[in-house]
N, C-alpha and C. Protein backbone atom coordinates (compact mmCIF):
# COMPACT_ATOMS: atom_id res chain seq x y z
N MET A 1 12.28 -31.12 -43.61
CA MET A 1 11.09 -30.55 -43.32
C MET A 1 10.70 -30.78 -41.76
N SER A 2 11.13 -31.88 -41.16
CA SER A 2 10.64 -32.33 -39.92
C SER A 2 11.23 -31.32 -38.91
N HIS A 3 12.41 -30.72 -39.17
CA HIS A 3 13.01 -29.82 -38.14
C HIS A 3 12.27 -28.46 -38.27
N LEU A 4 11.64 -28.13 -39.27
CA LEU A 4 10.82 -26.98 -39.39
C LEU A 4 9.53 -27.02 -38.63
N VAL A 5 9.00 -28.33 -38.63
CA VAL A 5 7.75 -28.60 -37.84
C VAL A 5 8.04 -28.50 -36.46
N ALA A 6 9.21 -29.14 -36.03
CA ALA A 6 9.63 -29.10 -34.61
C ALA A 6 9.94 -27.68 -34.13
N LYS A 7 10.54 -26.78 -35.01
CA LYS A 7 10.76 -25.42 -34.63
C LYS A 7 9.39 -24.66 -34.46
N ALA A 8 8.47 -25.07 -35.47
CA ALA A 8 7.16 -24.37 -35.35
C ALA A 8 6.49 -24.74 -34.08
N ASN A 9 6.58 -26.00 -33.55
CA ASN A 9 5.95 -26.35 -32.41
C ASN A 9 6.58 -25.72 -31.19
N ASP A 10 8.00 -25.49 -31.28
CA ASP A 10 8.67 -24.89 -30.30
C ASP A 10 8.25 -23.43 -30.18
N TYR A 11 8.06 -22.70 -31.32
CA TYR A 11 7.64 -21.38 -31.24
C TYR A 11 6.08 -21.28 -30.78
N ILE A 12 5.30 -22.13 -30.96
CA ILE A 12 3.99 -22.05 -30.52
C ILE A 12 3.92 -22.34 -28.95
N PHE A 13 4.71 -23.26 -28.57
CA PHE A 13 4.93 -23.41 -27.10
C PHE A 13 5.40 -22.26 -26.37
N HIS A 14 6.42 -21.55 -26.99
CA HIS A 14 7.01 -20.37 -26.29
C HIS A 14 6.14 -18.98 -26.55
N ALA A 15 5.10 -19.09 -27.32
CA ALA A 15 4.23 -17.80 -27.47
C ALA A 15 3.55 -17.67 -26.21
N VAL A 16 3.40 -18.58 -25.29
CA VAL A 16 2.55 -18.39 -24.04
C VAL A 16 3.65 -18.35 -22.93
N ALA A 17 3.45 -17.39 -22.10
CA ALA A 17 4.30 -17.04 -21.01
C ALA A 17 4.42 -18.23 -19.97
N VAL A 18 5.49 -18.31 -19.37
CA VAL A 18 5.69 -19.51 -18.37
C VAL A 18 4.52 -19.38 -17.25
N SER A 19 4.24 -18.21 -16.82
CA SER A 19 3.22 -18.11 -15.83
C SER A 19 1.84 -18.57 -16.27
N THR A 20 1.53 -18.25 -17.57
CA THR A 20 0.38 -18.67 -18.12
C THR A 20 0.33 -20.25 -18.35
N ARG A 21 1.45 -20.69 -18.73
CA ARG A 21 1.55 -22.17 -19.02
C ARG A 21 1.40 -22.92 -17.63
N ASN A 22 1.95 -22.22 -16.51
CA ASN A 22 1.65 -22.90 -15.22
C ASN A 22 0.16 -22.93 -14.84
N SER A 23 -0.61 -21.89 -15.26
CA SER A 23 -1.96 -21.80 -15.18
C SER A 23 -2.66 -22.83 -16.02
N TYR A 24 -2.22 -23.12 -17.19
CA TYR A 24 -2.79 -24.19 -17.97
C TYR A 24 -2.70 -25.42 -17.29
N THR A 25 -1.51 -25.75 -16.69
CA THR A 25 -1.29 -27.02 -15.87
C THR A 25 -2.27 -27.07 -14.85
N SER A 26 -2.48 -26.03 -14.23
CA SER A 26 -3.45 -25.99 -12.91
C SER A 26 -4.95 -26.38 -13.51
N ALA A 27 -5.26 -25.74 -14.61
CA ALA A 27 -6.53 -26.02 -15.11
C ALA A 27 -6.67 -27.59 -15.53
N LEU A 28 -5.63 -28.06 -16.10
CA LEU A 28 -5.53 -29.40 -16.66
C LEU A 28 -5.63 -30.39 -15.40
N ASN A 29 -4.77 -30.12 -14.42
CA ASN A 29 -4.76 -30.84 -13.11
C ASN A 29 -6.25 -30.92 -12.47
N SER A 30 -6.88 -29.71 -12.42
CA SER A 30 -8.17 -29.61 -11.90
C SER A 30 -9.14 -30.51 -12.59
N TYR A 31 -9.04 -30.35 -13.96
CA TYR A 31 -9.96 -31.20 -14.81
C TYR A 31 -9.63 -32.67 -14.57
N SER A 32 -8.50 -33.11 -14.54
CA SER A 32 -8.12 -34.53 -14.39
C SER A 32 -8.47 -35.10 -12.90
N ALA A 33 -8.25 -34.19 -12.01
CA ALA A 33 -8.57 -34.60 -10.59
C ALA A 33 -10.01 -34.84 -10.33
N ALA A 34 -10.85 -34.12 -11.06
CA ALA A 34 -12.34 -34.33 -10.82
C ALA A 34 -12.75 -35.68 -11.33
N PHE A 35 -12.15 -36.15 -12.33
CA PHE A 35 -12.43 -37.65 -12.71
C PHE A 35 -11.76 -38.67 -12.02
N LEU A 36 -10.49 -38.45 -11.63
CA LEU A 36 -9.73 -39.36 -10.88
C LEU A 36 -10.26 -39.56 -9.58
N SER A 37 -10.97 -38.57 -9.00
CA SER A 37 -11.45 -38.77 -7.61
C SER A 37 -12.68 -39.70 -7.60
N TYR A 38 -13.37 -39.95 -8.82
CA TYR A 38 -14.32 -40.89 -8.91
C TYR A 38 -13.73 -42.16 -9.71
N LYS A 39 -12.48 -42.40 -9.76
CA LYS A 39 -11.83 -43.38 -10.42
C LYS A 39 -12.30 -43.59 -11.83
N GLN A 40 -12.30 -42.57 -12.49
CA GLN A 40 -12.67 -42.45 -13.93
C GLN A 40 -11.43 -41.79 -14.64
N VAL A 41 -11.16 -42.32 -15.86
CA VAL A 41 -10.13 -41.67 -16.74
C VAL A 41 -10.81 -40.35 -17.26
N PRO A 42 -9.97 -39.23 -17.04
CA PRO A 42 -10.56 -37.94 -17.67
C PRO A 42 -10.66 -37.98 -19.13
N PRO A 43 -11.79 -37.79 -19.70
CA PRO A 43 -11.89 -37.68 -21.14
C PRO A 43 -11.06 -36.64 -21.83
N PHE A 44 -10.33 -37.00 -22.77
CA PHE A 44 -9.56 -36.00 -23.53
C PHE A 44 -9.53 -36.36 -24.95
N PRO A 45 -9.93 -35.60 -25.88
CA PRO A 45 -10.43 -34.23 -25.72
C PRO A 45 -11.61 -34.15 -24.89
N ALA A 46 -11.80 -33.02 -24.22
CA ALA A 46 -12.94 -32.91 -23.37
C ALA A 46 -14.31 -32.83 -24.23
N THR A 47 -15.29 -33.37 -23.65
CA THR A 47 -16.59 -33.26 -24.27
C THR A 47 -17.54 -32.21 -23.46
N GLN A 48 -18.64 -31.96 -24.02
CA GLN A 48 -19.65 -31.12 -23.41
C GLN A 48 -20.00 -31.72 -22.07
N ASP A 49 -20.26 -32.96 -22.07
CA ASP A 49 -20.67 -33.70 -20.76
C ASP A 49 -19.48 -33.66 -19.69
N SER A 50 -18.34 -33.88 -20.06
CA SER A 50 -17.21 -34.09 -19.18
C SER A 50 -17.03 -32.67 -18.68
N LEU A 51 -17.10 -31.67 -19.40
CA LEU A 51 -16.85 -30.22 -18.99
C LEU A 51 -17.95 -29.83 -17.94
N CYS A 52 -19.20 -30.15 -18.20
CA CYS A 52 -20.08 -29.88 -17.28
C CYS A 52 -19.96 -30.62 -15.77
N VAL A 53 -19.59 -31.82 -15.99
CA VAL A 53 -19.40 -32.67 -14.75
C VAL A 53 -18.16 -32.04 -13.96
N TRP A 54 -17.20 -31.55 -14.68
CA TRP A 54 -15.95 -31.06 -14.15
C TRP A 54 -16.40 -29.61 -13.40
N LEU A 55 -17.13 -28.96 -14.11
CA LEU A 55 -17.67 -27.64 -13.43
C LEU A 55 -18.35 -27.77 -12.20
N VAL A 56 -19.37 -28.81 -12.20
CA VAL A 56 -20.17 -28.89 -11.08
C VAL A 56 -19.38 -29.53 -9.95
N HIS A 57 -18.36 -30.46 -10.27
CA HIS A 57 -17.50 -31.09 -9.22
C HIS A 57 -16.68 -29.88 -8.62
N SER A 58 -16.07 -29.22 -9.43
CA SER A 58 -15.11 -28.03 -9.02
C SER A 58 -15.78 -27.02 -8.17
N ALA A 59 -17.16 -26.74 -8.45
CA ALA A 59 -17.93 -25.61 -7.81
C ALA A 59 -18.30 -26.05 -6.56
N ASN A 60 -18.37 -27.39 -6.38
CA ASN A 60 -19.07 -28.07 -5.06
C ASN A 60 -18.11 -28.91 -4.24
N ARG A 61 -16.81 -28.94 -4.68
CA ARG A 61 -15.97 -29.72 -3.84
C ARG A 61 -16.03 -29.30 -2.41
N PRO A 62 -15.85 -30.16 -1.40
CA PRO A 62 -15.91 -29.82 -0.03
C PRO A 62 -14.72 -28.86 0.54
N HIS A 63 -13.62 -28.99 -0.02
CA HIS A 63 -12.39 -28.37 0.33
C HIS A 63 -12.09 -27.31 -0.80
N ARG A 64 -12.27 -25.99 -0.47
CA ARG A 64 -12.01 -24.97 -1.33
C ARG A 64 -12.66 -25.11 -2.79
N PRO A 65 -13.91 -24.95 -2.88
CA PRO A 65 -14.57 -25.03 -4.15
C PRO A 65 -14.14 -23.96 -5.00
N LEU A 66 -13.97 -24.04 -6.32
CA LEU A 66 -13.49 -23.05 -7.25
C LEU A 66 -14.48 -22.07 -7.44
N LYS A 67 -14.18 -20.79 -7.45
CA LYS A 67 -15.04 -19.68 -7.78
C LYS A 67 -15.40 -19.61 -9.26
N PRO A 68 -16.56 -19.05 -9.60
CA PRO A 68 -17.02 -19.01 -10.92
C PRO A 68 -15.95 -18.37 -11.87
N THR A 69 -15.33 -17.28 -11.32
CA THR A 69 -14.26 -16.66 -12.19
C THR A 69 -13.10 -17.60 -12.55
N THR A 70 -12.70 -18.24 -11.45
CA THR A 70 -11.53 -19.24 -11.67
C THR A 70 -12.03 -20.29 -12.68
N LEU A 71 -13.29 -20.84 -12.63
CA LEU A 71 -13.78 -21.80 -13.45
C LEU A 71 -13.85 -21.25 -14.88
N ARG A 72 -14.22 -20.07 -15.15
CA ARG A 72 -14.32 -19.54 -16.45
C ARG A 72 -12.81 -19.34 -17.03
N THR A 73 -11.83 -18.98 -16.17
CA THR A 73 -10.44 -18.84 -16.59
C THR A 73 -9.95 -20.21 -16.91
N TYR A 74 -10.21 -21.25 -16.15
CA TYR A 74 -9.73 -22.54 -16.32
C TYR A 74 -10.32 -23.16 -17.72
N LEU A 75 -11.67 -22.76 -18.00
CA LEU A 75 -12.25 -23.13 -19.21
C LEU A 75 -11.49 -22.56 -20.48
N SER A 76 -11.17 -21.34 -20.25
CA SER A 76 -10.30 -20.65 -21.34
C SER A 76 -9.02 -21.36 -21.53
N TYR A 77 -8.33 -21.64 -20.35
CA TYR A 77 -6.94 -22.42 -20.46
C TYR A 77 -7.21 -23.76 -21.15
N LEU A 78 -8.17 -24.57 -20.73
CA LEU A 78 -8.40 -25.74 -21.32
C LEU A 78 -8.72 -25.69 -22.83
N SER A 79 -9.45 -24.70 -23.11
CA SER A 79 -9.75 -24.51 -24.54
C SER A 79 -8.47 -24.11 -25.37
N SER A 80 -7.59 -23.42 -24.77
CA SER A 80 -6.28 -23.07 -25.43
C SER A 80 -5.49 -24.29 -25.61
N LEU A 81 -5.55 -25.18 -24.55
CA LEU A 81 -4.69 -26.43 -24.62
C LEU A 81 -5.18 -27.34 -25.76
N HIS A 82 -6.38 -27.36 -25.83
CA HIS A 82 -7.11 -28.21 -26.88
C HIS A 82 -6.64 -27.66 -28.18
N ALA A 83 -6.60 -26.45 -28.47
CA ALA A 83 -6.08 -25.89 -29.75
C ALA A 83 -4.60 -26.26 -29.91
N GLU A 84 -3.80 -26.20 -28.82
CA GLU A 84 -2.48 -26.47 -28.96
C GLU A 84 -2.23 -27.95 -29.25
N TYR A 85 -3.07 -28.73 -28.82
CA TYR A 85 -2.97 -30.30 -29.08
C TYR A 85 -3.56 -30.63 -30.42
N GLY A 86 -4.12 -29.67 -31.21
CA GLY A 86 -4.74 -30.02 -32.51
C GLY A 86 -6.18 -30.34 -32.47
N PHE A 87 -6.86 -30.26 -31.17
CA PHE A 87 -8.23 -30.44 -31.28
C PHE A 87 -9.10 -29.35 -31.49
N ARG A 88 -10.30 -29.49 -31.79
CA ARG A 88 -11.23 -28.34 -32.21
C ARG A 88 -11.52 -27.73 -30.94
N ASP A 89 -11.63 -26.29 -30.96
CA ASP A 89 -11.96 -25.64 -29.86
C ASP A 89 -13.29 -25.94 -29.34
N PHE A 90 -13.35 -26.47 -28.12
CA PHE A 90 -14.71 -26.98 -27.53
C PHE A 90 -15.60 -25.80 -27.20
N LEU A 91 -15.06 -24.62 -26.99
CA LEU A 91 -15.94 -23.55 -26.54
C LEU A 91 -16.72 -23.03 -27.72
N ASP A 92 -16.36 -23.32 -28.99
CA ASP A 92 -17.22 -22.87 -30.06
C ASP A 92 -18.56 -23.30 -30.07
N ASP A 93 -18.79 -24.62 -29.70
CA ASP A 93 -20.20 -25.12 -29.97
C ASP A 93 -20.65 -25.78 -28.62
N LYS A 94 -20.30 -25.32 -27.51
CA LYS A 94 -20.57 -25.94 -26.20
C LYS A 94 -21.41 -24.87 -25.43
N HIS A 95 -22.68 -24.63 -25.89
CA HIS A 95 -23.58 -23.82 -25.20
C HIS A 95 -23.92 -24.24 -23.75
N LEU A 96 -24.06 -25.50 -23.71
CA LEU A 96 -24.52 -26.12 -22.54
C LEU A 96 -23.39 -25.94 -21.40
N VAL A 97 -22.16 -25.98 -21.87
CA VAL A 97 -21.00 -25.72 -20.91
C VAL A 97 -21.18 -24.36 -20.29
N PHE A 98 -21.43 -23.39 -21.29
CA PHE A 98 -21.49 -22.04 -20.70
C PHE A 98 -22.71 -21.83 -19.85
N ARG A 99 -23.81 -22.45 -20.22
CA ARG A 99 -25.05 -22.31 -19.36
C ARG A 99 -24.81 -22.93 -18.04
N CYS A 100 -24.03 -24.05 -18.00
CA CYS A 100 -23.67 -24.72 -16.74
C CYS A 100 -22.87 -23.73 -15.89
N TRP A 101 -21.97 -23.08 -16.42
CA TRP A 101 -21.13 -22.23 -15.71
C TRP A 101 -21.83 -21.09 -15.29
N LYS A 102 -22.75 -20.55 -16.04
CA LYS A 102 -23.69 -19.33 -15.69
C LYS A 102 -24.57 -19.69 -14.63
N GLY A 103 -25.07 -20.92 -14.66
CA GLY A 103 -25.88 -21.28 -13.55
C GLY A 103 -25.14 -21.37 -12.24
N ILE A 104 -24.01 -21.88 -12.29
CA ILE A 104 -23.01 -21.94 -11.08
C ILE A 104 -22.79 -20.57 -10.51
N ARG A 105 -22.51 -19.61 -11.60
CA ARG A 105 -22.26 -18.30 -11.08
C ARG A 105 -23.47 -17.65 -10.46
N ARG A 106 -24.58 -17.85 -11.04
CA ARG A 106 -25.82 -17.29 -10.41
C ARG A 106 -26.13 -17.84 -9.07
N GLU A 107 -25.99 -19.30 -8.87
CA GLU A 107 -26.25 -19.82 -7.67
C GLU A 107 -25.20 -19.65 -6.55
N LYS A 108 -24.04 -19.63 -6.94
CA LYS A 108 -22.95 -19.42 -5.90
C LYS A 108 -22.71 -17.89 -5.72
N GLY A 109 -23.18 -17.11 -6.55
CA GLY A 109 -22.90 -15.68 -6.29
C GLY A 109 -21.55 -15.32 -6.71
N GLU A 110 -21.24 -14.13 -6.98
CA GLU A 110 -19.93 -13.68 -7.42
C GLU A 110 -19.88 -12.28 -6.83
N LYS A 111 -18.96 -12.12 -5.83
CA LYS A 111 -18.76 -10.82 -5.24
C LYS A 111 -17.54 -10.10 -5.95
N LYS A 112 -17.94 -8.95 -6.56
CA LYS A 112 -17.04 -8.30 -7.26
C LYS A 112 -16.15 -7.23 -6.38
N MET A 113 -14.93 -7.32 -6.33
CA MET A 113 -14.07 -6.60 -5.57
C MET A 113 -13.95 -5.15 -6.22
N ILE A 114 -14.26 -4.25 -5.63
CA ILE A 114 -14.14 -2.82 -6.19
C ILE A 114 -12.77 -2.35 -5.91
N ARG A 115 -11.93 -2.09 -6.94
CA ARG A 115 -10.53 -1.61 -6.82
C ARG A 115 -10.54 -0.14 -7.11
N ARG A 116 -10.32 0.59 -5.98
CA ARG A 116 -10.27 2.01 -6.05
C ARG A 116 -8.74 2.41 -6.32
N PRO A 117 -8.60 3.46 -6.92
CA PRO A 117 -7.22 4.07 -7.24
C PRO A 117 -6.70 4.57 -5.95
N ILE A 118 -5.30 4.27 -5.83
CA ILE A 118 -4.59 4.89 -4.83
C ILE A 118 -4.26 6.33 -5.15
N THR A 119 -4.75 7.28 -4.39
CA THR A 119 -4.58 8.68 -4.72
C THR A 119 -3.50 9.33 -3.70
N THR A 120 -3.00 10.52 -4.00
CA THR A 120 -2.14 11.04 -3.11
C THR A 120 -2.71 11.31 -1.68
N HIS A 121 -4.17 11.67 -1.81
CA HIS A 121 -4.74 11.92 -0.46
C HIS A 121 -4.66 10.58 0.39
N LEU A 122 -4.92 9.40 -0.32
CA LEU A 122 -5.03 8.22 0.31
C LEU A 122 -3.66 7.79 0.92
N ILE A 123 -2.51 8.15 0.05
CA ILE A 123 -1.23 7.86 0.58
C ILE A 123 -0.94 8.73 1.89
N SER A 124 -1.34 9.93 1.86
CA SER A 124 -1.10 10.73 3.06
C SER A 124 -1.92 10.22 4.25
N GLN A 125 -3.08 9.63 4.12
CA GLN A 125 -3.88 9.08 5.19
C GLN A 125 -3.21 7.88 5.76
N MET A 126 -2.62 7.07 4.75
CA MET A 126 -1.93 5.87 5.05
C MET A 126 -0.77 6.22 6.11
N LYS A 127 -0.09 7.18 5.66
CA LYS A 127 1.07 7.61 6.34
C LYS A 127 0.93 7.78 7.94
N THR A 128 -0.24 8.48 8.08
CA THR A 128 -0.56 8.70 9.60
C THR A 128 -0.98 7.45 10.32
N LYS A 129 -1.23 6.43 9.73
CA LYS A 129 -1.65 5.08 10.41
C LYS A 129 -0.52 4.20 10.57
N LEU A 130 0.62 4.41 9.92
CA LEU A 130 1.73 3.40 9.92
C LEU A 130 2.52 3.68 11.06
N THR A 131 3.12 2.54 11.64
CA THR A 131 4.06 2.57 12.79
C THR A 131 5.41 3.18 12.31
N ASN A 132 6.34 3.34 13.29
CA ASN A 132 7.68 3.79 12.86
C ASN A 132 8.65 2.68 12.76
N SER A 133 8.21 1.60 12.02
CA SER A 133 9.13 0.42 11.87
C SER A 133 9.71 0.43 10.46
N PHE A 134 10.67 -0.36 10.34
CA PHE A 134 11.23 -0.42 8.97
C PHE A 134 10.35 -0.98 7.94
N ALA A 135 9.54 -1.94 8.25
CA ALA A 135 8.53 -2.53 7.30
C ALA A 135 7.51 -1.49 6.92
N SER A 136 7.07 -0.61 7.76
CA SER A 136 6.16 0.39 7.64
C SER A 136 6.66 1.41 6.62
N ARG A 137 7.88 1.82 6.82
CA ARG A 137 8.70 2.81 6.04
C ARG A 137 8.85 2.31 4.70
N MET A 138 9.11 1.02 4.57
CA MET A 138 9.36 0.46 3.22
C MET A 138 8.04 0.31 2.50
N PHE A 139 6.85 -0.01 3.27
CA PHE A 139 5.71 -0.09 2.57
C PHE A 139 5.19 1.28 2.01
N TYR A 140 5.39 2.30 2.92
CA TYR A 140 5.08 3.74 2.43
C TYR A 140 6.00 4.12 1.27
N ALA A 141 7.15 3.82 1.30
CA ALA A 141 8.14 4.09 0.24
C ALA A 141 7.64 3.52 -1.04
N ALA A 142 7.28 2.18 -1.00
CA ALA A 142 6.73 1.45 -2.21
C ALA A 142 5.42 2.05 -2.81
N ALA A 143 4.51 2.29 -1.86
CA ALA A 143 3.21 2.80 -2.20
C ALA A 143 3.37 4.21 -2.78
N SER A 144 4.24 5.13 -2.06
CA SER A 144 4.51 6.44 -2.74
C SER A 144 5.14 6.34 -4.04
N LEU A 145 6.05 5.41 -4.20
CA LEU A 145 6.79 5.33 -5.59
C LEU A 145 5.85 4.92 -6.59
N ALA A 146 5.08 3.95 -6.28
CA ALA A 146 4.04 3.48 -7.23
C ALA A 146 3.08 4.49 -7.75
N THR A 147 2.57 5.28 -6.57
CA THR A 147 1.46 6.19 -6.86
C THR A 147 2.10 7.38 -7.65
N TYR A 148 3.18 7.88 -7.24
CA TYR A 148 3.74 9.07 -7.91
C TYR A 148 4.45 8.73 -9.19
N GLY A 149 4.94 7.51 -9.29
CA GLY A 149 5.70 7.05 -10.44
C GLY A 149 4.54 6.47 -11.50
N LEU A 150 3.28 6.42 -11.20
CA LEU A 150 2.30 5.87 -12.07
C LEU A 150 2.72 4.48 -12.49
N LEU A 151 3.18 3.64 -11.61
CA LEU A 151 3.57 2.30 -11.90
C LEU A 151 2.43 1.39 -11.54
N ARG A 152 2.66 0.18 -12.50
CA ARG A 152 1.60 -0.88 -12.17
C ARG A 152 2.42 -1.85 -11.15
N MET A 153 1.51 -2.67 -10.49
CA MET A 153 2.15 -3.58 -9.48
C MET A 153 3.29 -4.49 -9.87
N GLY A 154 3.25 -4.90 -11.07
CA GLY A 154 4.33 -5.71 -11.64
C GLY A 154 5.59 -5.08 -12.11
N GLU A 155 5.48 -3.65 -11.91
CA GLU A 155 6.66 -2.90 -12.26
C GLU A 155 7.53 -2.60 -11.07
N PHE A 156 7.09 -2.83 -9.90
CA PHE A 156 7.90 -2.46 -8.72
C PHE A 156 7.84 -3.55 -7.74
N THR A 157 7.29 -4.87 -8.03
CA THR A 157 7.21 -5.87 -7.03
C THR A 157 7.87 -7.09 -7.84
N GLN A 158 8.16 -8.18 -7.07
CA GLN A 158 8.75 -9.35 -7.56
C GLN A 158 8.08 -10.44 -7.12
N SER A 159 7.65 -11.42 -7.92
CA SER A 159 7.09 -12.71 -7.53
C SER A 159 8.08 -13.63 -6.94
N GLU A 160 7.66 -14.55 -6.06
CA GLU A 160 8.56 -15.53 -5.55
C GLU A 160 8.99 -16.64 -6.60
N VAL A 161 8.27 -16.57 -7.72
CA VAL A 161 8.64 -17.59 -8.78
C VAL A 161 9.80 -17.31 -9.39
N ALA A 162 10.85 -18.23 -9.51
CA ALA A 162 12.09 -17.94 -10.02
C ALA A 162 12.14 -17.52 -11.45
N THR A 163 11.03 -17.76 -12.25
CA THR A 163 11.12 -17.44 -13.68
C THR A 163 10.80 -15.87 -13.83
N ASN A 164 10.52 -15.18 -12.77
CA ASN A 164 10.27 -13.81 -12.82
C ASN A 164 11.36 -12.99 -12.44
N SER A 165 12.62 -13.59 -12.68
CA SER A 165 13.82 -12.91 -12.34
C SER A 165 14.42 -12.09 -13.46
N ASN A 166 13.56 -11.85 -14.40
CA ASN A 166 13.99 -11.19 -15.65
C ASN A 166 14.46 -9.70 -15.22
N PRO A 167 15.63 -9.34 -15.39
CA PRO A 167 16.06 -7.94 -14.84
C PRO A 167 15.42 -6.77 -15.65
N PHE A 168 14.84 -7.01 -16.75
CA PHE A 168 14.12 -5.96 -17.40
C PHE A 168 12.73 -5.78 -16.98
N LYS A 169 12.30 -6.72 -16.28
CA LYS A 169 10.89 -6.59 -15.77
C LYS A 169 10.84 -5.99 -14.27
N LEU A 170 11.90 -5.99 -13.65
CA LEU A 170 11.96 -5.57 -12.17
C LEU A 170 12.58 -4.22 -12.20
N LEU A 171 11.97 -3.30 -11.20
CA LEU A 171 12.51 -2.06 -11.01
C LEU A 171 13.54 -2.24 -9.95
N THR A 172 14.75 -1.60 -10.13
CA THR A 172 15.79 -1.68 -9.23
C THR A 172 16.14 -0.28 -8.70
N ILE A 173 16.83 -0.15 -7.61
CA ILE A 173 17.12 1.17 -7.05
C ILE A 173 18.19 1.89 -8.02
N GLY A 174 19.02 1.06 -8.76
CA GLY A 174 19.86 1.75 -9.69
C GLY A 174 19.21 2.43 -10.91
N GLN A 175 17.89 2.07 -11.07
CA GLN A 175 17.14 2.67 -12.19
C GLN A 175 16.44 3.89 -11.82
N ILE A 176 16.43 4.33 -10.48
CA ILE A 176 15.77 5.39 -10.03
C ILE A 176 16.64 6.59 -9.85
N GLU A 177 16.28 7.74 -10.43
CA GLU A 177 17.05 8.90 -10.17
C GLU A 177 16.10 9.96 -9.49
N LEU A 178 16.86 10.48 -8.36
CA LEU A 178 16.08 11.50 -7.57
C LEU A 178 16.55 12.80 -7.85
N PHE A 179 15.51 13.81 -8.06
CA PHE A 179 15.95 15.14 -8.39
C PHE A 179 15.39 16.02 -7.17
N ASP A 180 16.23 16.95 -6.88
CA ASP A 180 15.80 18.09 -5.88
C ASP A 180 14.90 19.09 -6.61
N ALA A 181 13.76 19.11 -6.05
CA ALA A 181 12.67 19.94 -6.80
C ALA A 181 13.10 21.40 -6.84
N LYS A 182 13.91 21.94 -5.92
CA LYS A 182 14.28 23.32 -5.95
C LYS A 182 15.43 23.65 -7.01
N ASN A 183 16.38 22.70 -7.00
CA ASN A 183 17.50 22.94 -7.92
C ASN A 183 17.53 22.09 -9.15
N ALA A 184 16.59 21.16 -9.20
CA ALA A 184 16.40 20.23 -10.43
C ALA A 184 17.83 19.56 -10.61
N SER A 185 18.50 19.21 -9.53
CA SER A 185 19.76 18.46 -9.71
C SER A 185 19.56 17.02 -9.22
N VAL A 186 20.33 16.05 -9.60
CA VAL A 186 20.25 14.71 -9.18
C VAL A 186 20.94 14.66 -7.84
N THR A 187 20.25 13.96 -6.81
CA THR A 187 20.76 13.76 -5.58
C THR A 187 21.16 12.40 -5.21
């Protein structure tokens, strides 16, 4: 029976993508670092008090304070880790944690970046601003391919992270077929 438990734990671990798991580690490191900087052992499982202290520390640290959106994401990651370790989900009954985060968000402000779609008109405007360099032509080619192919960013770019080398996730030149609009033949 123990081999089934071990396999179940393995499946639970692999249910989370490697990139997400790395973010979990970042959240846990941030939580731990807040307490270790005061020479305190980070409480685990996290308590309402420890989470509020961590939120305040992270939002007000002198070098690169965390943004409210990052704090909220990290809270979610920490909550997921708690569930994975068999602890009760601390976000279920931690209203003060949410209120602390909300106060940080209100005081620090949160600028929302407006993401506008890249249209064919915008692509043609970009082309007039680009130089005649290889990098500019490659950028224009990628932007055109993404726009006309209705692709998402992850479908035509590659991360520097070695784990994203999955050949099914990356668009390659071999997967692209070009057609002549007049003759409808492959070129």
